[in-house]
All heavy atoms as atom14 arrays in JSON, in Angstrom:
{
  "sequence": "GRCSGGFDRLVQRMDEVRVALEHVSEELRHLLPTR",
  "atom14_mask": [
    [1, 1, 1, 1, 0, 0, 0, 0, 0, 0, 0, 0, 0, 0],
    [1, 1, 1, 1, 1, 1, 1, 1, 1, 1, 1, 0, 0, 0],
    [1, 1, 1, 1, 1, 1, 0, 0, 0, 0, 0, 0, 0, 0],
    [1, 1, 1, 1, 1, 1, 0, 0, 0, 0, 0, 0, 0, 0],
    [1, 1, 1, 1, 0, 0, 0, 0, 0, 0, 0, 0, 0, 0],
    [1, 1, 1, 1, 0, 0, 0, 0, 0, 0, 0, 0, 0, 0],
    [1, 1, 1, 1, 1, 1, 1, 1, 1, 1, 1, 0, 0, 0],
    [1, 1, 1, 1, 1, 1, 1, 1, 0, 0, 0, 0, 0, 0],
    [1, 1, 1, 1, 1, 1, 1, 1, 1, 1, 1, 0, 0, 0],
    [1, 1, 1, 1, 1, 1, 1, 1, 0, 0, 0, 0, 0, 0],
    [1, 1, 1, 1, 1, 1, 1, 0, 0, 0, 0, 0, 0, 0],
    [1, 1, 1, 1, 1, 1, 1, 1, 1, 0, 0, 0, 0, 0],
    [1, 1, 1, 1, 1, 1, 1, 1, 1, 1, 1, 0, 0, 0],
    [1, 1, 1, 1, 1, 1, 1, 1, 0, 0, 0, 0, 0, 0],
    [1, 1, 1, 1, 1, 1, 1, 1, 0, 0, 0, 0, 0, 0],
    [1, 1, 1, 1, 1, 1, 1, 1, 1, 0, 0, 0, 0, 0],
    [1, 1, 1, 1, 1, 1, 1, 0, 0, 0, 0, 0, 0, 0],
    [1, 1, 1, 1, 1, 1, 1, 1, 1, 1, 1, 0, 0, 0],
    [1, 1, 1, 1, 1, 1, 1, 0, 0, 0, 0, 0, 0, 0],
    [1, 1, 1, 1, 1, 0, 0, 0, 0, 0, 0, 0, 0, 0],
    [1, 1, 1, 1, 1, 1, 1, 1, 0, 0, 0, 0, 0, 0],
    [1, 1, 1, 1, 1, 1, 1, 1, 1, 0, 0, 0, 0, 0],
    [1, 1, 1, 1, 1, 1, 1, 1, 1, 1, 0, 0, 0, 0],
    [1, 1, 1, 1, 1, 1, 1, 0, 0, 0, 0, 0, 0, 0],
    [1, 1, 1, 1, 1, 1, 0, 0, 0, 0, 0, 0, 0, 0],
    [1, 1, 1, 1, 1, 1, 1, 1, 1, 0, 0, 0, 0, 0],
    [1, 1, 1, 1, 1, 1, 1, 1, 1, 0, 0, 0, 0, 0],
    [1, 1, 1, 1, 1, 1, 1, 1, 0, 0, 0, 0, 0, 0],
    [1, 1, 1, 1, 1, 1, 1, 1, 1, 1, 1, 0, 0, 0],
    [1, 1, 1, 1, 1, 1, 1, 1, 1, 1, 0, 0, 0, 0],
    [1, 1, 1, 1, 1, 1, 1, 1, 0, 0, 0, 0, 0, 0],
    [1, 1, 1, 1, 1, 1, 1, 1, 0, 0, 0, 0, 0, 0],
    [1, 1, 1, 1, 1, 1, 1, 0, 0, 0, 0, 0, 0, 0],
    [1, 1, 1, 1, 1, 1, 1, 0, 0, 0, 0, 0, 0, 0],
    [1, 1, 1, 1, 1, 1, 1, 1, 1, 1, 1, 0, 0, 0]
  ],
  "atom14_positions": [
    [[-27.5, 7.25, 30.58], [-26.43, 6.31, 30.89], [-25.83, 5.7, 29.64], [-25.03, 6.31, 28.97], [0.0, 0.0, 0.0], [0.0, 0.0, 0.0], [0.0, 0.0, 0.0], [0.0, 0.0, 0.0], [0.0, 0.0, 0.0], [0.0, 0.0, 0.0], [0.0, 0.0, 0.0], [0.0, 0.0, 0.0], [0.0, 0.0, 0.0], [0.0, 0.0, 0.0]],
    [[-26.25, 4.55, 29.26], [-25.67, 3.9, 28.09], [-26.59, 4.07, 26.88], [-27.78, 4.25, 27.02], [-25.46, 2.4, 28.35], [-26.71, 1.66, 28.74], [-26.39, 0.23, 29.1], [-27.61, -0.46, 29.52], [-28.5, -0.99, 28.7], [-28.31, -0.9, 27.39], [-29.54, -1.61, 29.14], [0.0, 0.0, 0.0], [0.0, 0.0, 0.0], [0.0, 0.0, 0.0]],
    [[-26.0, 4.01, 25.69], [-26.76, 4.24, 24.47], [-26.4, 3.22, 23.39], [-26.29, 3.57, 22.22], [-26.53, 5.65, 23.94], [-27.18, 6.95, 25.01], [0.0, 0.0, 0.0], [0.0, 0.0, 0.0], [0.0, 0.0, 0.0], [0.0, 0.0, 0.0], [0.0, 0.0, 0.0], [0.0, 0.0, 0.0], [0.0, 0.0, 0.0], [0.0, 0.0, 0.0]],
    [[-26.17, 1.98, 23.8], [-25.71, 1.0, 22.82], [-26.72, 0.8, 21.7], [-26.37, 0.68, 20.54], [-25.39, -0.35, 23.51], [-26.56, -0.8, 24.19], [0.0, 0.0, 0.0], [0.0, 0.0, 0.0], [0.0, 0.0, 0.0], [0.0, 0.0, 0.0], [0.0, 0.0, 0.0], [0.0, 0.0, 0.0], [0.0, 0.0, 0.0], [0.0, 0.0, 0.0]],
    [[-28.03, 0.75, 22.07], [-29.03, 0.55, 21.06], [-29.1, 1.72, 20.1], [-29.22, 1.53, 18.87], [0.0, 0.0, 0.0], [0.0, 0.0, 0.0], [0.0, 0.0, 0.0], [0.0, 0.0, 0.0], [0.0, 0.0, 0.0], [0.0, 0.0, 0.0], [0.0, 0.0, 0.0], [0.0, 0.0, 0.0], [0.0, 0.0, 0.0], [0.0, 0.0, 0.0]],
    [[-29.0, 2.92, 20.62], [-29.0, 4.1, 19.77], [-27.8, 4.16, 18.88], [-27.89, 4.57, 17.71], [0.0, 0.0, 0.0], [0.0, 0.0, 0.0], [0.0, 0.0, 0.0], [0.0, 0.0, 0.0], [0.0, 0.0, 0.0], [0.0, 0.0, 0.0], [0.0, 0.0, 0.0], [0.0, 0.0, 0.0], [0.0, 0.0, 0.0], [0.0, 0.0, 0.0]],
    [[-26.64, 3.75, 19.41], [-25.42, 3.75, 18.6], [-25.53, 2.77, 17.45], [-25.2, 3.09, 16.31], [-24.23, 3.39, 19.5], [-22.9, 3.41, 18.79], [-22.43, 4.56, 18.16], [-22.1, 2.28, 18.77], [-21.21, 4.58, 17.52], [-20.85, 2.29, 18.13], [-20.41, 3.45, 17.5], [0.0, 0.0, 0.0], [0.0, 0.0, 0.0], [0.0, 0.0, 0.0]],
    [[-26.03, 1.58, 17.74], [-26.22, 0.59, 16.68], [-27.18, 1.07, 15.61], [-26.95, 0.88, 14.42], [-26.74, -0.72, 17.29], [-25.72, -1.42, 18.16], [-24.54, -1.09, 18.05], [-26.12, -2.28, 18.98], [0.0, 0.0, 0.0], [0.0, 0.0, 0.0], [0.0, 0.0, 0.0], [0.0, 0.0, 0.0], [0.0, 0.0, 0.0], [0.0, 0.0, 0.0]],
    [[-28.25, 1.73, 16.06], [-29.23, 2.22, 15.08], [-28.63, 3.35, 14.24], [-28.91, 3.44, 13.05], [-30.48, 2.71, 15.81], [-31.63, 3.06, 14.89], [-32.99, 2.88, 15.54], [-33.03, 3.37, 16.89], [-33.15, 2.58, 17.95], [-33.24, 1.26, 17.81], [-33.21, 3.09, 19.16], [0.0, 0.0, 0.0], [0.0, 0.0, 0.0], [0.0, 0.0, 0.0]],
    [[-27.83, 4.19, 14.87], [-27.19, 5.28, 14.13], [-26.23, 4.71, 13.07], [-26.21, 5.19, 11.91], [-26.42, 6.21, 15.08], [-25.66, 7.34, 14.42], [-26.59, 8.26, 13.63], [-24.88, 8.14, 15.47], [0.0, 0.0, 0.0], [0.0, 0.0, 0.0], [0.0, 0.0, 0.0], [0.0, 0.0, 0.0], [0.0, 0.0, 0.0], [0.0, 0.0, 0.0]],
    [[-25.47, 3.71, 13.45], [-24.53, 3.08, 12.49], [-25.32, 2.5, 11.32], [-24.93, 2.65, 10.14], [-23.72, 1.99, 13.18], [-22.87, 1.22, 12.15], [-22.78, 2.59, 14.23], [0.0, 0.0, 0.0], [0.0, 0.0, 0.0], [0.0, 0.0, 0.0], [0.0, 0.0, 0.0], [0.0, 0.0, 0.0], [0.0, 0.0, 0.0], [0.0, 0.0, 0.0]],
    [[-26.45, 1.88, 11.62], [-27.29, 1.32, 10.55], [-27.8, 2.4, 9.63], [-27.78, 2.24, 8.39], [-28.47, 0.55, 11.18], [-29.38, -0.09, 10.13], [-30.51, -0.88, 10.77], [-30.55, -1.08, 11.98], [-31.45, -1.29, 9.95], [0.0, 0.0, 0.0], [0.0, 0.0, 0.0], [0.0, 0.0, 0.0], [0.0, 0.0, 0.0], [0.0, 0.0, 0.0]],
    [[-28.23, 3.52, 10.2], [-28.72, 4.63, 9.37], [-27.6, 5.21, 8.5], [-27.82, 5.58, 7.34], [-29.32, 5.72, 10.25], [-30.58, 5.32, 10.99], [-31.72, 4.96, 10.03], [-31.97, 5.99, 9.05], [-32.69, 7.09, 9.24], [-33.27, 7.29, 10.44], [-32.9, 7.98, 8.3], [0.0, 0.0, 0.0], [0.0, 0.0, 0.0], [0.0, 0.0, 0.0]],
    [[-26.41, 5.31, 9.05], [-25.27, 5.8, 8.27], [-25.0, 4.87, 7.11], [-24.7, 5.31, 5.98], [-24.04, 5.91, 9.16], [-24.1, 6.96, 10.24], [-23.77, 8.59, 9.63], [-21.99, 8.48, 9.34], [0.0, 0.0, 0.0], [0.0, 0.0, 0.0], [0.0, 0.0, 0.0], [0.0, 0.0, 0.0], [0.0, 0.0, 0.0], [0.0, 0.0, 0.0]],
    [[-25.11, 3.59, 7.35], [-24.86, 2.61, 6.29], [-25.94, 2.71, 5.23], [-25.65, 2.52, 4.02], [-24.82, 1.22, 6.87], [-24.23, 0.2, 5.88], [-23.09, 0.43, 5.42], [-24.91, -0.8, 5.56], [0.0, 0.0, 0.0], [0.0, 0.0, 0.0], [0.0, 0.0, 0.0], [0.0, 0.0, 0.0], [0.0, 0.0, 0.0], [0.0, 0.0, 0.0]],
    [[-27.16, 3.01, 5.6], [-28.24, 3.18, 4.63], [-27.95, 4.36, 3.7], [-28.24, 4.29, 2.49], [-29.58, 3.36, 5.35], [-30.08, 2.1, 6.06], [-31.3, 2.38, 6.9], [-31.72, 3.56, 6.99], [-31.82, 1.39, 7.51], [0.0, 0.0, 0.0], [0.0, 0.0, 0.0], [0.0, 0.0, 0.0], [0.0, 0.0, 0.0], [0.0, 0.0, 0.0]],
    [[-27.41, 5.44, 4.27], [-27.05, 6.61, 3.45], [-25.91, 6.23, 2.49], [-25.92, 6.63, 1.33], [-26.67, 7.79, 4.34], [-26.16, 8.97, 3.48], [-27.86, 8.24, 5.2], [0.0, 0.0, 0.0], [0.0, 0.0, 0.0], [0.0, 0.0, 0.0], [0.0, 0.0, 0.0], [0.0, 0.0, 0.0], [0.0, 0.0, 0.0], [0.0, 0.0, 0.0]],
    [[-24.97, 5.48, 3.01], [-23.85, 5.04, 2.15], [-24.38, 4.21, 0.98], [-23.99, 4.42, -0.18], [-22.87, 4.18, 2.96], [-21.71, 3.61, 2.13], [-20.97, 2.53, 2.88], [-21.82, 1.37, 3.2], [-22.12, 0.42, 2.32], [-21.68, 0.47, 1.09], [-22.9, -0.59, 2.67], [0.0, 0.0, 0.0], [0.0, 0.0, 0.0], [0.0, 0.0, 0.0]],
    [[-25.3, 3.29, 1.26], [-25.87, 2.44, 0.2], [-26.63, 3.31, -0.83], [-26.55, 3.07, -2.05], [-26.82, 1.4, 0.8], [-27.62, 0.66, -0.29], [-26.02, 0.38, 1.63], [0.0, 0.0, 0.0], [0.0, 0.0, 0.0], [0.0, 0.0, 0.0], [0.0, 0.0, 0.0], [0.0, 0.0, 0.0], [0.0, 0.0, 0.0], [0.0, 0.0, 0.0]],
    [[-27.32, 4.33, -0.34], [-28.06, 5.23, -1.25], [-27.09, 5.96, -2.19], [-27.38, 6.11, -3.37], [-28.89, 6.21, -0.44], [0.0, 0.0, 0.0], [0.0, 0.0, 0.0], [0.0, 0.0, 0.0], [0.0, 0.0, 0.0], [0.0, 0.0, 0.0], [0.0, 0.0, 0.0], [0.0, 0.0, 0.0], [0.0, 0.0, 0.0], [0.0, 0.0, 0.0]],
    [[-25.95, 6.43, -1.64], [-24.96, 7.09, -2.48], [-24.3, 6.12, -3.46], [-24.0, 6.47, -4.61], [-23.91, 7.76, -1.63], [-24.37, 8.97, -0.8], [-23.21, 9.5, 0.05], [-24.93, 10.07, -1.69], [0.0, 0.0, 0.0], [0.0, 0.0, 0.0], [0.0, 0.0, 0.0], [0.0, 0.0, 0.0], [0.0, 0.0, 0.0], [0.0, 0.0, 0.0]],
    [[-24.11, 4.88, -3.01], [-23.58, 3.86, -3.93], [-24.53, 3.58, -5.09], [-24.11, 3.33, -6.23], [-23.26, 2.57, -3.18], [-22.01, 2.65, -2.32], [-21.53, 1.3, -1.86], [-22.37, 0.36, -1.88], [-20.36, 1.17, -1.49], [0.0, 0.0, 0.0], [0.0, 0.0, 0.0], [0.0, 0.0, 0.0], [0.0, 0.0, 0.0], [0.0, 0.0, 0.0]],
    [[-25.82, 3.61, -4.8], [-26.83, 3.43, -5.84], [-26.7, 4.54, -6.89], [-26.76, 4.27, -8.11], [-28.23, 3.42, -5.26], [-29.32, 3.41, -6.28], [-29.6, 2.31, -7.07], [-30.18, 4.39, -6.67], [-30.59, 2.61, -7.91], [-30.95, 3.85, -7.68], [0.0, 0.0, 0.0], [0.0, 0.0, 0.0], [0.0, 0.0, 0.0], [0.0, 0.0, 0.0]],
    [[-26.53, 5.77, -6.43], [-26.33, 6.88, -7.37], [-25.09, 6.65, -8.21], [-25.07, 6.87, -9.42], [-26.24, 8.22, -6.62], [-25.91, 9.37, -7.57], [-27.52, 8.52, -5.86], [0.0, 0.0, 0.0], [0.0, 0.0, 0.0], [0.0, 0.0, 0.0], [0.0, 0.0, 0.0], [0.0, 0.0, 0.0], [0.0, 0.0, 0.0], [0.0, 0.0, 0.0]],
    [[-24.02, 6.21, -7.54], [-22.78, 5.94, -8.27], [-22.96, 4.92, -9.35], [-22.41, 5.03, -10.47], [-21.68, 5.47, -7.27], [-20.45, 5.28, -7.93], [0.0, 0.0, 0.0], [0.0, 0.0, 0.0], [0.0, 0.0, 0.0], [0.0, 0.0, 0.0], [0.0, 0.0, 0.0], [0.0, 0.0, 0.0], [0.0, 0.0, 0.0], [0.0, 0.0, 0.0]],
    [[-23.74, 3.88, -9.07], [-24.03, 2.84, -10.08], [-24.82, 3.43, -11.24], [-24.56, 3.1, -12.42], [-24.79, 1.68, -9.44], [-23.95, 0.78, -8.55], [-22.86, 0.09, -9.35], [-23.15, -0.42, -10.47], [-21.7, 0.05, -8.87], [0.0, 0.0, 0.0], [0.0, 0.0, 0.0], [0.0, 0.0, 0.0], [0.0, 0.0, 0.0], [0.0, 0.0, 0.0]],
    [[-25.77, 4.29, -10.95], [-26.57, 4.88, -12.0], [-25.78, 5.81, -12.9], [-26.14, 6.03, -14.05], [-27.77, 5.67, -11.37], [-28.78, 4.78, -10.69], [-29.45, 3.84, -11.7], [-29.85, 4.29, -12.78], [-29.54, 2.61, -11.38], [0.0, 0.0, 0.0], [0.0, 0.0, 0.0], [0.0, 0.0, 0.0], [0.0, 0.0, 0.0], [0.0, 0.0, 0.0]],
    [[-24.66, 6.34, -12.37], [-23.83, 7.22, -13.19], [-23.2, 6.47, -14.37], [-22.78, 7.13, -15.35], [-22.72, 7.81, -12.33], [-23.14, 8.82, -11.24], [-21.9, 9.36, -10.53], [-23.94, 9.96, -11.84], [0.0, 0.0, 0.0], [0.0, 0.0, 0.0], [0.0, 0.0, 0.0], [0.0, 0.0, 0.0], [0.0, 0.0, 0.0], [0.0, 0.0, 0.0]],
    [[-23.15, 5.17, -14.3], [-22.6, 4.39, -15.41], [-23.41, 4.6, -16.69], [-22.91, 4.41, -17.79], [-22.59, 2.9, -15.07], [-21.66, 2.51, -13.92], [-21.83, 1.01, -13.6], [-20.96, 0.59, -12.5], [-19.74, 0.11, -12.66], [-19.23, -0.01, -13.9], [-19.01, -0.27, -11.63], [0.0, 0.0, 0.0], [0.0, 0.0, 0.0], [0.0, 0.0, 0.0]],
    [[-24.68, 4.98, -16.54], [-25.56, 5.13, -17.67], [-25.72, 6.58, -18.13], [-26.52, 6.86, -19.02], [-26.96, 4.56, -17.32], [-26.92, 3.2, -16.72], [-26.43, 2.1, -17.37], [-27.28, 2.77, -15.46], [-26.5, 1.02, -16.59], [-27.0, 1.43, -15.41], [0.0, 0.0, 0.0], [0.0, 0.0, 0.0], [0.0, 0.0, 0.0], [0.0, 0.0, 0.0]],
    [[-24.98, 7.48, -17.46], [-25.09, 8.91, -17.78], [-23.75, 9.49, -18.2], [-22.7, 8.92, -17.91], [-25.62, 9.65, -16.54], [-26.98, 9.24, -15.99], [-27.27, 9.99, -14.68], [-28.08, 9.53, -17.02], [0.0, 0.0, 0.0], [0.0, 0.0, 0.0], [0.0, 0.0, 0.0], [0.0, 0.0, 0.0], [0.0, 0.0, 0.0], [0.0, 0.0, 0.0]],
    [[-23.82, 10.66, -18.83], [-22.65, 11.4, -19.19], [-22.77, 12.8, -18.64], [-23.88, 13.37, -18.54], [-22.49, 11.49, -20.72], [-22.16, 10.17, -21.45], [-22.21, 10.42, -22.97], [-20.79, 9.66, -21.03], [0.0, 0.0, 0.0], [0.0, 0.0, 0.0], [0.0, 0.0, 0.0], [0.0, 0.0, 0.0], [0.0, 0.0, 0.0], [0.0, 0.0, 0.0]],
    [[-21.63, 13.42, -18.24], [-21.7, 14.8, -17.76], [-22.21, 15.7, -18.88], [-21.79, 15.56, -20.03], [-20.26, 15.12, -17.38], [-19.57, 13.8, -17.24], [-20.29, 12.88, -18.19], [0.0, 0.0, 0.0], [0.0, 0.0, 0.0], [0.0, 0.0, 0.0], [0.0, 0.0, 0.0], [0.0, 0.0, 0.0], [0.0, 0.0, 0.0], [0.0, 0.0, 0.0]],
    [[-23.12, 16.61, -18.55], [-23.6, 17.56, -19.55], [-22.65, 18.76, -19.57], [-21.82, 18.95, -18.69], [-25.0, 18.05, -19.21], [-24.97, 18.74, -17.96], [-25.96, 16.88, -19.08], [0.0, 0.0, 0.0], [0.0, 0.0, 0.0], [0.0, 0.0, 0.0], [0.0, 0.0, 0.0], [0.0, 0.0, 0.0], [0.0, 0.0, 0.0], [0.0, 0.0, 0.0]],
    [[-22.79, 19.57, -20.58], [-21.91, 20.75, -20.71], [-21.99, 21.65, -19.47], [-21.0, 22.18, -19.03], [-22.3, 21.54, -21.98], [-21.45, 22.78, -22.21], [-22.0, 23.59, -23.38], [-21.22, 24.79, -23.57], [-20.34, 24.93, -24.55], [-20.11, 23.94, -25.39], [-19.63, 26.06, -24.69], [0.0, 0.0, 0.0], [0.0, 0.0, 0.0], [0.0, 0.0, 0.0]]
  ]
}
């Protein structure tokens, strides 16, 4: 029937992945592309 709890949890998990990618983006400030 309804899946409101599952939907909320999925949105939270998506946001966690976003935060993880943002962390990588922040770490790139300290790195340079290699050849």
